[in-house]
Amino acid sequence: MTKLSALGLGIASAATTAIAYLICSFFFGFYPEMSVVGGSYLMHGIEMKIAEPMTLLSFVISLVVWVLVAFVFGVLFAWIYNLFVKA
């Protein structure tokens, strides 16, 4: 089996997460009630409420945090995967 590029997988994970976050933010911005209901279904029926409206600052901070977390987990996944690949 081929080893994974940790940097490549980290970047791909971060980019994919950024796209998903942008789509999610679009729906939350334009359809907040529908987004809360949909989010409740995704969270196994936990009742969710809109705590505060999304601002540009909260959007940017959340986007950066999610992208960084996805990058770290992508790199971690590749590193662990490569431990099990025969050289």
N, C-alpha and C. Protein backbone atom coordinates (compact mmCIF):
# COMPACT_ATOMS: atom_id res chain seq x y z
N MET A 1 0.85 -1.18 0.00
CA MET A 1 0.00 0.00 0.00
C MET A 1 0.89 1.24 0.00
N THR A 2 0.36 2.30 -0.53
CA THR A 2 1.10 3.55 -0.64
C THR A 2 0.93 4.38 0.61
N LYS A 3 2.02 5.01 1.03
CA LYS A 3 1.92 5.91 2.17
C LYS A 3 1.22 7.20 1.75
N LEU A 4 0.59 7.84 2.71
CA LEU A 4 -0.12 9.10 2.47
C LEU A 4 0.80 10.27 2.78
N SER A 5 0.63 11.34 2.04
CA SER A 5 1.32 12.58 2.37
C SER A 5 0.55 13.25 3.50
N ALA A 6 1.20 13.39 4.65
CA ALA A 6 0.54 14.00 5.80
C ALA A 6 0.15 15.44 5.49
N LEU A 7 1.05 16.18 4.86
CA LEU A 7 0.75 17.57 4.52
C LEU A 7 -0.39 17.64 3.49
N GLY A 8 -0.33 16.78 2.49
CA GLY A 8 -1.38 16.77 1.46
C GLY A 8 -2.75 16.44 2.03
N LEU A 9 -2.79 15.44 2.89
CA LEU A 9 -4.08 15.07 3.49
C LEU A 9 -4.56 16.15 4.44
N GLY A 10 -3.63 16.78 5.16
CA GLY A 10 -4.01 17.89 6.04
C GLY A 10 -4.63 19.03 5.26
N ILE A 11 -4.00 19.39 4.14
CA ILE A 11 -4.53 20.49 3.31
C ILE A 11 -5.86 20.11 2.70
N ALA A 12 -5.98 18.87 2.20
CA ALA A 12 -7.25 18.43 1.62
C ALA A 12 -8.37 18.43 2.66
N SER A 13 -8.07 17.98 3.86
CA SER A 13 -9.07 17.98 4.94
C SER A 13 -9.48 19.41 5.29
N ALA A 14 -8.50 20.30 5.37
CA ALA A 14 -8.80 21.70 5.70
C ALA A 14 -9.65 22.35 4.61
N ALA A 15 -9.32 22.11 3.34
CA ALA A 15 -10.07 22.70 2.23
C ALA A 15 -11.50 22.16 2.19
N THR A 16 -11.65 20.86 2.39
CA THR A 16 -12.99 20.25 2.38
C THR A 16 -13.84 20.80 3.52
N THR A 17 -13.23 20.96 4.69
CA THR A 17 -13.95 21.52 5.84
C THR A 17 -14.35 22.96 5.59
N ALA A 18 -13.47 23.74 4.96
CA ALA A 18 -13.79 25.13 4.66
C ALA A 18 -14.99 25.21 3.72
N ILE A 19 -15.03 24.36 2.71
CA ILE A 19 -16.17 24.35 1.77
C ILE A 19 -17.46 23.98 2.50
N ALA A 20 -17.39 22.94 3.32
CA ALA A 20 -18.58 22.52 4.07
C ALA A 20 -19.04 23.62 5.02
N TYR A 21 -18.09 24.30 5.67
CA TYR A 21 -18.44 25.37 6.60
C TYR A 21 -19.09 26.54 5.86
N LEU A 22 -18.58 26.88 4.69
CA LEU A 22 -19.17 27.96 3.90
C LEU A 22 -20.61 27.63 3.50
N ILE A 23 -20.84 26.40 3.08
CA ILE A 23 -22.20 25.98 2.70
C ILE A 23 -23.12 26.03 3.92
N CYS A 24 -22.65 25.49 5.04
CA CYS A 24 -23.45 25.48 6.26
C CYS A 24 -23.76 26.91 6.71
N SER A 25 -22.77 27.79 6.66
CA SER A 25 -22.97 29.18 7.07
C SER A 25 -23.95 29.90 6.17
N PHE A 26 -23.91 29.58 4.88
CA PHE A 26 -24.87 30.17 3.95
C PHE A 26 -26.29 29.83 4.37
N PHE A 27 -26.54 28.54 4.62
CA PHE A 27 -27.88 28.12 5.02
C PHE A 27 -28.27 28.70 6.37
N PHE A 28 -27.33 28.75 7.30
CA PHE A 28 -27.64 29.32 8.61
C PHE A 28 -27.95 30.81 8.50
N GLY A 29 -27.23 31.50 7.64
CA GLY A 29 -27.44 32.94 7.47
C GLY A 29 -28.78 33.28 6.84
N PHE A 30 -29.19 32.47 5.85
CA PHE A 30 -30.42 32.77 5.12
C PHE A 30 -31.63 31.98 5.61
N TYR A 31 -31.40 30.84 6.24
CA TYR A 31 -32.51 30.00 6.71
C TYR A 31 -32.21 29.51 8.14
N PRO A 32 -32.14 30.43 9.11
CA PRO A 32 -31.72 30.02 10.46
C PRO A 32 -32.64 28.99 11.13
N GLU A 33 -33.93 29.16 10.98
CA GLU A 33 -34.85 28.22 11.64
C GLU A 33 -34.70 26.82 11.06
N MET A 34 -34.64 26.73 9.73
CA MET A 34 -34.48 25.44 9.07
C MET A 34 -33.13 24.81 9.46
N SER A 35 -32.11 25.64 9.59
CA SER A 35 -30.78 25.14 9.95
C SER A 35 -30.77 24.56 11.36
N VAL A 36 -31.49 25.20 12.27
CA VAL A 36 -31.55 24.70 13.65
C VAL A 36 -32.28 23.36 13.69
N VAL A 37 -33.36 23.25 12.95
CA VAL A 37 -34.10 21.98 12.90
C VAL A 37 -33.22 20.89 12.30
N GLY A 38 -32.57 21.20 11.18
CA GLY A 38 -31.67 20.23 10.54
C GLY A 38 -30.52 19.85 11.45
N GLY A 39 -29.95 20.84 12.14
CA GLY A 39 -28.86 20.56 13.08
C GLY A 39 -29.31 19.68 14.23
N SER A 40 -30.54 19.87 14.67
CA SER A 40 -31.07 19.02 15.74
C SER A 40 -31.15 17.57 15.30
N TYR A 41 -31.56 17.35 14.05
CA TYR A 41 -31.61 15.98 13.53
C TYR A 41 -30.20 15.38 13.45
N LEU A 42 -29.23 16.18 13.06
CA LEU A 42 -27.85 15.69 12.96
C LEU A 42 -27.25 15.39 14.33
N MET A 43 -27.74 16.04 15.36
CA MET A 43 -27.23 15.85 16.72
C MET A 43 -28.13 14.90 17.51
N HIS A 44 -28.70 13.93 16.83
CA HIS A 44 -29.50 12.87 17.46
C HIS A 44 -30.69 13.40 18.24
N GLY A 45 -31.29 14.45 17.74
CA GLY A 45 -32.52 14.96 18.34
C GLY A 45 -32.32 15.92 19.48
N ILE A 46 -31.09 16.33 19.75
CA ILE A 46 -30.86 17.31 20.81
C ILE A 46 -31.47 18.64 20.39
N GLU A 47 -32.25 19.23 21.27
CA GLU A 47 -32.91 20.49 20.94
C GLU A 47 -31.88 21.62 20.87
N MET A 48 -31.81 22.24 19.71
CA MET A 48 -30.88 23.35 19.51
C MET A 48 -31.66 24.65 19.40
N LYS A 49 -31.04 25.72 19.81
CA LYS A 49 -31.64 27.05 19.71
C LYS A 49 -30.61 28.01 19.16
N ILE A 50 -31.07 29.07 18.53
CA ILE A 50 -30.16 30.10 18.03
C ILE A 50 -29.77 30.97 19.20
N ALA A 51 -28.49 30.92 19.59
CA ALA A 51 -28.03 31.68 20.75
C ALA A 51 -27.85 33.15 20.39
N GLU A 52 -27.24 33.42 19.26
CA GLU A 52 -27.01 34.79 18.82
C GLU A 52 -26.82 34.78 17.31
N PRO A 53 -27.10 35.88 16.67
CA PRO A 53 -26.91 35.92 15.22
C PRO A 53 -25.43 35.86 14.86
N MET A 54 -25.16 35.31 13.69
CA MET A 54 -23.80 35.20 13.21
C MET A 54 -23.30 36.57 12.76
N THR A 55 -22.11 36.94 13.22
CA THR A 55 -21.49 38.18 12.77
C THR A 55 -20.32 37.81 11.87
N LEU A 56 -19.77 38.78 11.18
CA LEU A 56 -18.62 38.53 10.33
C LEU A 56 -17.44 38.01 11.16
N LEU A 57 -17.25 38.59 12.34
CA LEU A 57 -16.15 38.16 13.20
C LEU A 57 -16.34 36.72 13.66
N SER A 58 -17.54 36.37 14.12
CA SER A 58 -17.77 35.00 14.58
C SER A 58 -17.65 34.01 13.42
N PHE A 59 -18.05 34.43 12.22
CA PHE A 59 -17.91 33.59 11.03
C PHE A 59 -16.43 33.32 10.75
N VAL A 60 -15.62 34.35 10.73
CA VAL A 60 -14.19 34.21 10.41
C VAL A 60 -13.47 33.39 11.48
N ILE A 61 -13.73 33.67 12.75
CA ILE A 61 -13.08 32.92 13.82
C ILE A 61 -13.45 31.45 13.74
N SER A 62 -14.73 31.15 13.56
CA SER A 62 -15.16 29.75 13.47
C SER A 62 -14.56 29.06 12.25
N LEU A 63 -14.51 29.76 11.13
CA LEU A 63 -13.93 29.18 9.92
C LEU A 63 -12.46 28.84 10.15
N VAL A 64 -11.72 29.75 10.73
CA VAL A 64 -10.29 29.51 10.99
C VAL A 64 -10.10 28.33 11.95
N VAL A 65 -10.89 28.30 13.01
CA VAL A 65 -10.76 27.21 13.98
C VAL A 65 -11.06 25.87 13.33
N TRP A 66 -12.16 25.78 12.58
CA TRP A 66 -12.52 24.52 11.93
C TRP A 66 -11.48 24.08 10.91
N VAL A 67 -10.93 25.02 10.16
CA VAL A 67 -9.91 24.68 9.16
C VAL A 67 -8.65 24.17 9.86
N LEU A 68 -8.24 24.82 10.93
CA LEU A 68 -7.06 24.36 11.66
C LEU A 68 -7.27 22.98 12.28
N VAL A 69 -8.43 22.76 12.86
CA VAL A 69 -8.73 21.46 13.45
C VAL A 69 -8.73 20.38 12.37
N ALA A 70 -9.33 20.65 11.23
CA ALA A 70 -9.36 19.68 10.14
C ALA A 70 -7.96 19.38 9.62
N PHE A 71 -7.12 20.41 9.53
CA PHE A 71 -5.74 20.21 9.08
C PHE A 71 -4.99 19.29 10.04
N VAL A 72 -5.10 19.58 11.33
CA VAL A 72 -4.41 18.77 12.34
C VAL A 72 -4.89 17.32 12.30
N PHE A 73 -6.20 17.11 12.20
CA PHE A 73 -6.73 15.75 12.15
C PHE A 73 -6.36 15.04 10.85
N GLY A 74 -6.27 15.78 9.75
CA GLY A 74 -5.82 15.18 8.49
C GLY A 74 -4.38 14.71 8.59
N VAL A 75 -3.51 15.55 9.15
CA VAL A 75 -2.11 15.18 9.34
C VAL A 75 -2.01 13.99 10.30
N LEU A 76 -2.75 14.03 11.39
CA LEU A 76 -2.75 12.94 12.37
C LEU A 76 -3.23 11.64 11.74
N PHE A 77 -4.29 11.71 10.95
CA PHE A 77 -4.81 10.52 10.28
C PHE A 77 -3.74 9.92 9.37
N ALA A 78 -3.08 10.75 8.55
CA ALA A 78 -2.06 10.26 7.64
C ALA A 78 -0.89 9.65 8.40
N TRP A 79 -0.48 10.27 9.49
CA TRP A 79 0.63 9.77 10.28
C TRP A 79 0.30 8.39 10.86
N ILE A 80 -0.90 8.26 11.43
CA ILE A 80 -1.32 6.96 11.99
C ILE A 80 -1.46 5.93 10.89
N TYR A 81 -2.07 6.31 9.78
CA TYR A 81 -2.22 5.40 8.64
C TYR A 81 -0.85 4.89 8.19
N ASN A 82 0.11 5.80 8.06
CA ASN A 82 1.45 5.42 7.60
C ASN A 82 2.16 4.49 8.57
N LEU A 83 1.80 4.51 9.84
CA LEU A 83 2.39 3.57 10.80
C LEU A 83 2.03 2.13 10.46
N PHE A 84 0.88 1.94 9.84
CA PHE A 84 0.38 0.59 9.56
C PHE A 84 0.65 0.13 8.13
N VAL A 85 1.22 0.99 7.31
CA VAL A 85 1.53 0.62 5.93
C VAL A 85 2.88 -0.07 5.90
N LYS A 86 2.93 -1.18 5.20
CA LYS A 86 4.21 -1.88 5.08
C LYS A 86 5.15 -1.08 4.21
N ALA A 87 6.36 -0.93 4.68
CA ALA A 87 7.37 -0.13 3.94
C ALA A 87 7.83 -0.84 2.68
